[in-house]
C-alpha atoms as a PDB file:
ATOM      1  CA  MET A   1       0.000   0.000   0.000  1.00  0.00           C
ATOM      2  CA  GLY A   2       1.084   3.568  -0.647  1.00  0.00           C
ATOM      3  CA  CYS A   3       0.444   6.658   1.392  1.00  0.00           C
ATOM      4  CA  VAL A   4      -2.898   7.988   2.502  1.00  0.00           C
ATOM      5  CA  PHE A   5      -3.947  11.601   2.394  1.00  0.00           C
ATOM      6  CA  ILE A   6      -6.936  13.278   4.041  1.00  0.00           C
ATOM      7  CA  GLU A   7      -8.082  16.536   2.505  1.00  0.00           C
ATOM      8  CA  PHE A   8     -10.410  18.889   4.340  1.00  0.00           C
ATOM      9  CA  ASP A   9     -12.656  20.558   1.755  1.00  0.00           C
ATOM     10  CA  GLY A  10     -13.835  23.858   3.148  1.00  0.00           C
ATOM     11  CA  THR A  11     -17.313  25.050   2.262  1.00  0.00           C
ATOM     12  CA  TYR A  12     -16.100  28.328   0.761  1.00  0.00           C
ATOM     13  CA  TRP A  13     -14.158  26.659  -2.084  1.00  0.00           C
ATOM     14  CA  HIS A  14     -15.814  23.261  -2.244  1.00  0.00           C
ATOM     15  CA  GLY A  15     -19.397  24.041  -1.271  1.00  0.00           C
ATOM     16  CA  GLU A  16     -22.586  23.974  -3.247  1.00  0.00           C
ATOM     17  CA  GLU A  17     -21.946  27.444  -4.656  1.00  0.00           C
ATOM     18  CA  GLY A  18     -19.178  25.968  -6.806  1.00  0.00           C
ATOM     19  CA  ARG A  19     -16.498  28.648  -6.240  1.00  0.00           C
ATOM     20  CA  GLY A  20     -13.760  26.070  -6.614  1.00  0.00           C
ATOM     21  CA  ASN A  21     -12.569  24.389  -9.732  1.00  0.00           C
ATOM     22  CA  LYS A  22     -14.056  20.888  -9.651  1.00  0.00           C
ATOM     23  CA  MET A  23     -12.231  19.742 -12.789  1.00  0.00           C
ATOM     24  CA  ARG A  24      -8.875  20.887 -11.352  1.00  0.00           C
ATOM     25  CA  ASP A  25      -9.568  18.985  -8.131  1.00  0.00           C
ATOM     26  CA  GLU A  26     -10.497  15.820 -10.035  1.00  0.00           C
ATOM     27  CA  LEU A  27      -7.353  16.008 -12.186  1.00  0.00           C
ATOM     28  CA  ARG A  28      -5.221  16.559  -9.088  1.00  0.00           C
ATOM     29  CA  ASP A  29      -6.820  13.562  -7.372  1.00  0.00           C
ATOM     30  CA  GLU A  30      -6.084  11.401 -10.422  1.00  0.00           C
ATOM     31  CA  GLU A  31      -2.443  12.541 -10.451  1.00  0.00           C
ATOM     32  CA  ILE A  32      -2.160  11.728  -6.748  1.00  0.00           C
ATOM     33  CA  LYS A  33      -3.715   8.260  -7.246  1.00  0.00           C
ATOM     34  CA  GLU A  34      -1.204   7.535 -10.036  1.00  0.00           C
ATOM     35  CA  LYS A  35       1.518   8.009  -7.409  1.00  0.00           C
ATOM     36  CA  ASN A  36      -0.063   5.243  -5.305  1.00  0.00           C
ATOM     37  CA  VAL A  37      -1.543   7.702  -2.796  1.00  0.00           C
ATOM     38  CA  LEU A  38      -5.120   7.337  -1.572  1.00  0.00           C
ATOM     39  CA  VAL A  39      -7.148  10.507  -0.955  1.00  0.00           C
ATOM     40  CA  TYR A  40     -10.084  10.826   1.425  1.00  0.00           C
ATOM     41  CA  HIS A  41     -12.088  14.054   1.245  1.00  0.00           C
ATOM     42  CA  VAL A  42     -13.764  15.474   4.328  1.00  0.00           C
ATOM     43  CA  LYS A  43     -16.390  18.132   3.757  1.00  0.00           C
ATOM     44  CA  GLU A  44     -16.457  20.972   6.261  1.00  0.00           C
ATOM     45  CA  LYS A  45     -20.246  20.687   6.418  1.00  0.00           C
ATOM     46  CA  ASP A  46     -20.067  17.004   7.384  1.00  0.00           C
ATOM     47  CA  TYR A  47     -17.451  17.685  10.037  1.00  0.00           C
ATOM     48  CA  LYS A  48     -19.483  20.492  11.582  1.00  0.00           C
ATOM     49  CA  GLU A  49     -22.601  18.292  11.665  1.00  0.00           C
ATOM     50  CA  ASN A  50     -20.936  15.243  13.215  1.00  0.00           C
ATOM     51  CA  PRO A  51     -17.208  15.551  13.994  1.00  0.00           C
ATOM     52  CA  GLU A  52     -17.045  12.229  15.858  1.00  0.00           C
ATOM     53  CA  LYS A  53     -18.411  10.357  12.832  1.00  0.00           C
ATOM     54  CA  VAL A  54     -15.975  12.064  10.458  1.00  0.00           C
ATOM     55  CA  ILE A  55     -13.011  11.345  12.732  1.00  0.00           C
ATOM     56  CA  LYS A  56     -14.086   7.699  12.957  1.00  0.00           C
ATOM     57  CA  GLU A  57     -14.332   7.497   9.151  1.00  0.00           C
ATOM     58  CA  CYS A  58     -10.889   9.078   8.784  1.00  0.00           C
ATOM     59  CA  LEU A  59      -9.358   6.570  11.203  1.00  0.00           C
ATOM     60  CA  GLU A  60     -11.024   3.705   9.349  1.00  0.00           C
ATOM     61  CA  PHE A  61      -9.641   5.045   6.070  1.00  0.00           C
ATOM     62  CA  ILE A  62      -6.135   5.265   7.513  1.00  0.00           C
ATOM     63  CA  ASN A  63      -6.295   1.771   9.000  1.00  0.00           C
ATOM     64  CA  ASP A  64      -7.752  -0.009   5.947  1.00  0.00           C
END
């Protein structure tokens, strides 16, 4: 297995308003995966709603 990477996607750039560049993010994720690195995205909204659940999911991702 390669490395794992957790990315926190803030609402301002990655929210429903679409301020960010979704295509750029997808291309970057593909480039990272080609380097044998797994990426797990955490949405700010999800973390604010249930931080314990998100932390548990992150730990599961790291340990899998």
